[in-house]
Amino acid sequence: MTQATVSTWYGDISESLFASLQAIRLVICDVDGVFSDGRIYLGNDGEELKSFHTRDGFGVKALLANNVQVAVVTGRRSTIVEQRMQALGVTDIFQGTTEKLSVYQQLAEKYQLKDSAIASIGDDVPDVVMIQRAGVGVAPQDAHPWVQQQADYVTSMSGGFGAVRELSDLILLSQGHLQLQGGVSL
């Protein structure tokens, strides 16, 4: 028996996943390997550099504009992450977090959401607890293979190259809020 699907720009997804995306009110994201390609550039003087894609930024702004909250939960600490997320309007920024499930629970309580209203995207083993708990667990195309196996959806885009935008587009498409005009890439 063939499962019913919905066609998207990113390929066909199951109708059940599409229906689950309609309920999402909060997206919890890891940073390294999700918003960035996972590489960390270190200069001789200890300067740390990361690369962020403007399409992901546009996706975050679109989610926030449509009353879908966005949070980041990352094990590393970086001023760059703080600056980038603040520029996008993200206010729930948790860095240096080794216990991601407790932050997930804190966010669910803050926004009074059940797991079915939360999506989580991550690329490595520390993210699995959130991916498994969320109503929609997502892994980027280049995530660790075991993490991909735990996810409900694996993006066609790699981390740092539009994986967050893909998730935001699918959520907004499912909710009838995807708009293809206006705005500014950030």
Protein backbone atom coordinates (compact mmCIF):
# COMPACT_ATOMS: atom_id res chain seq x y z
CA MET A 1 0.00 0.00 0.00
CA THR A 2 1.38 3.38 -1.01
CA GLN A 3 1.41 6.15 1.57
CA ALA A 4 -0.31 9.38 0.52
CA THR A 5 2.09 12.28 -0.06
CA VAL A 6 2.14 16.04 -0.49
CA SER A 7 4.42 17.52 -3.15
CA THR A 8 6.75 20.32 -2.03
CA TRP A 9 9.76 22.08 -3.53
CA TYR A 10 11.90 19.79 -1.44
CA GLY A 11 10.26 16.60 -2.68
CA ASP A 12 7.25 14.61 -1.59
CA ILE A 13 6.50 14.30 2.13
CA SER A 14 3.91 12.09 3.76
CA GLU A 15 0.48 13.51 4.48
CA SER A 16 0.93 12.53 8.13
CA LEU A 17 4.14 14.62 8.38
CA PHE A 18 2.40 17.50 6.62
CA ALA A 19 -0.43 17.30 9.16
CA SER A 20 2.07 17.23 12.05
CA LEU A 21 3.77 20.36 10.69
CA GLN A 22 0.43 22.22 10.83
CA ALA A 23 0.50 22.04 14.65
CA ILE A 24 4.03 23.46 15.11
CA ARG A 25 4.23 26.60 17.28
CA LEU A 26 7.90 26.33 18.36
CA VAL A 27 11.05 25.29 16.49
CA ILE A 28 14.07 24.39 18.64
CA CYS A 29 17.36 24.41 16.74
CA ASP A 30 20.89 23.33 17.43
CA VAL A 31 23.44 25.74 15.93
CA ASP A 32 26.65 24.05 14.76
CA GLY A 33 25.74 21.71 11.91
CA VAL A 34 22.26 23.22 11.61
CA PHE A 35 22.60 27.01 11.21
CA SER A 36 26.26 26.56 10.24
CA ASP A 37 28.02 23.82 8.34
CA GLY A 38 29.49 22.58 11.60
CA ARG A 39 32.98 23.84 10.94
CA ILE A 40 34.59 26.30 13.36
CA TYR A 41 37.31 28.56 12.04
CA LEU A 42 39.90 29.62 14.62
CA GLY A 43 42.37 32.42 13.98
CA ASN A 44 45.88 32.62 15.39
CA ASP A 45 44.67 35.05 18.04
CA GLY A 46 41.80 32.80 19.15
CA GLU A 47 39.19 34.52 17.01
CA GLU A 48 36.29 32.21 16.19
CA LEU A 49 34.39 32.50 12.91
CA LYS A 50 31.23 30.76 11.70
CA SER A 51 29.25 31.06 8.51
CA PHE A 52 25.45 31.54 8.48
CA HIS A 53 23.21 31.38 5.42
CA THR A 54 20.88 34.29 4.72
CA ARG A 55 18.15 31.91 3.56
CA ASP A 56 18.03 30.36 7.03
CA GLY A 57 17.75 33.86 8.47
CA PHE A 58 14.84 34.65 6.16
CA GLY A 59 13.14 31.42 7.27
CA VAL A 60 13.52 32.31 10.95
CA LYS A 61 12.09 35.78 10.38
CA ALA A 62 9.17 34.28 8.44
CA LEU A 63 8.40 31.83 11.27
CA LEU A 64 8.48 34.59 13.88
CA ALA A 65 6.26 36.80 11.71
CA ASN A 66 3.71 33.97 11.65
CA ASN A 67 3.66 33.36 15.41
CA VAL A 68 5.94 30.33 15.38
CA GLN A 69 8.60 30.80 18.07
CA VAL A 70 12.24 29.90 17.39
CA ALA A 71 14.79 28.91 20.01
CA VAL A 72 18.42 27.84 19.80
CA VAL A 73 20.02 25.33 22.14
CA THR A 74 23.71 24.70 21.65
CA GLY A 75 26.52 23.09 23.59
CA ARG A 76 29.06 25.73 22.62
CA ARG A 77 29.24 29.36 23.71
CA SER A 78 29.84 32.01 21.09
CA THR A 79 29.31 35.75 20.87
CA ILE A 80 28.74 35.24 17.14
CA VAL A 81 25.72 33.03 17.82
CA GLU A 82 24.28 35.55 20.27
CA GLN A 83 24.68 38.39 17.76
CA ARG A 84 23.25 36.43 14.83
CA MET A 85 20.20 35.17 16.71
CA GLN A 86 19.45 38.58 18.22
CA ALA A 87 19.64 40.11 14.74
CA LEU A 88 17.01 37.59 13.60
CA GLY A 89 14.73 38.34 16.56
CA VAL A 90 15.34 35.08 18.40
CA THR A 91 15.09 35.71 22.15
CA ASP A 92 15.37 32.14 23.46
CA ILE A 93 19.13 31.55 23.15
CA PHE A 94 20.65 28.81 25.30
CA GLN A 95 24.40 28.34 24.96
CA GLY A 96 26.81 26.06 26.80
CA THR A 97 23.98 23.60 27.34
CA THR A 98 24.96 20.01 28.03
CA GLU A 99 21.47 18.91 29.13
CA LYS A 100 19.33 19.80 26.13
CA LEU A 101 16.23 17.94 27.29
CA SER A 102 15.87 20.17 30.35
CA VAL A 103 15.96 23.27 28.13
CA TYR A 104 13.42 21.64 25.81
CA GLN A 105 11.11 21.09 28.78
CA GLN A 106 11.66 24.65 30.01
CA LEU A 107 10.67 26.02 26.59
CA ALA A 108 7.60 23.77 26.39
CA GLU A 109 6.47 25.08 29.79
CA LYS A 110 7.24 28.71 28.92
CA TYR A 111 5.07 28.57 25.80
CA GLN A 112 2.58 26.08 27.32
CA LEU A 113 3.04 23.63 24.45
CA LYS A 114 2.66 19.90 24.13
CA ASP A 115 5.36 17.96 22.29
CA SER A 116 3.08 17.77 19.23
CA ALA A 117 3.43 21.57 18.82
CA ILE A 118 7.24 21.49 18.85
CA ALA A 119 9.72 20.75 16.07
CA SER A 120 13.39 20.21 16.80
CA ILE A 121 16.29 20.13 14.35
CA GLY A 122 19.75 18.84 15.18
CA ASP A 123 22.68 17.10 13.57
CA ASP A 124 24.49 15.07 16.22
CA VAL A 125 24.05 12.75 19.18
CA PRO A 126 23.40 15.45 21.85
CA ASP A 127 20.37 16.60 19.82
CA VAL A 128 18.65 13.21 19.69
CA VAL A 129 16.81 13.66 23.01
CA MET A 130 15.03 16.70 21.58
CA ILE A 131 14.49 15.13 18.15
CA GLN A 132 12.86 12.08 19.71
CA ARG A 133 10.70 14.11 22.11
CA ALA A 134 9.43 16.68 19.60
CA GLY A 135 6.25 16.23 17.61
CA VAL A 136 8.41 16.64 14.51
CA GLY A 137 12.08 15.69 14.82
CA VAL A 138 14.32 16.85 11.98
CA ALA A 139 17.92 16.23 10.91
CA PRO A 140 19.84 18.03 8.17
CA GLN A 141 20.86 16.04 5.11
CA ASP A 142 24.46 15.83 6.35
CA ALA A 143 23.66 14.97 9.98
CA HIS A 144 25.22 11.93 11.63
CA PRO A 145 23.57 8.82 10.09
CA TRP A 146 22.23 7.58 13.44
CA VAL A 147 20.66 10.98 14.10
CA GLN A 148 18.97 10.84 10.70
CA GLN A 149 17.49 7.47 11.66
CA GLN A 150 15.94 9.02 14.78
CA ALA A 151 14.32 11.90 12.85
CA ASP A 152 10.83 12.08 11.38
CA TYR A 153 12.23 14.09 8.48
CA VAL A 154 15.68 14.54 6.92
CA THR A 155 16.07 17.77 4.99
CA SER A 156 17.29 17.77 1.40
CA MET A 157 19.57 20.69 2.35
CA SER A 158 22.72 20.45 4.46
CA GLY A 159 23.31 22.26 7.73
CA GLY A 160 24.45 25.82 7.07
CA PHE A 161 23.11 25.64 3.52
CA GLY A 162 19.37 26.08 3.98
CA ALA A 163 18.24 23.21 6.24
CA VAL A 164 16.52 25.64 8.64
CA ARG A 165 14.87 27.43 5.70
CA GLU A 166 13.60 24.12 4.36
CA LEU A 167 11.99 23.30 7.69
CA SER A 168 10.51 26.79 7.99
CA ASP A 169 9.12 26.63 4.43
CA LEU A 170 7.47 23.27 5.11
CA ILE A 171 5.93 24.50 8.36
CA LEU A 172 4.61 27.68 6.75
CA LEU A 173 3.38 25.78 3.68
CA SER A 174 1.45 23.34 5.89
CA GLN A 175 -0.06 26.24 7.83
CA GLY A 176 -1.02 28.21 4.71
CA HIS A 177 1.38 31.07 5.49
CA LEU A 178 4.16 30.59 2.92
CA GLN A 179 4.57 33.84 1.02
CA LEU A 180 6.86 34.26 -1.94
CA GLN A 181 7.15 38.02 -2.17
CA GLY A 182 8.65 40.83 -0.15
CA GLY A 183 10.96 40.74 2.79
CA VAL A 184 14.67 41.14 3.21
CA SER A 185 17.27 38.38 3.47
CA LEU A 186 19.30 38.60 6.66
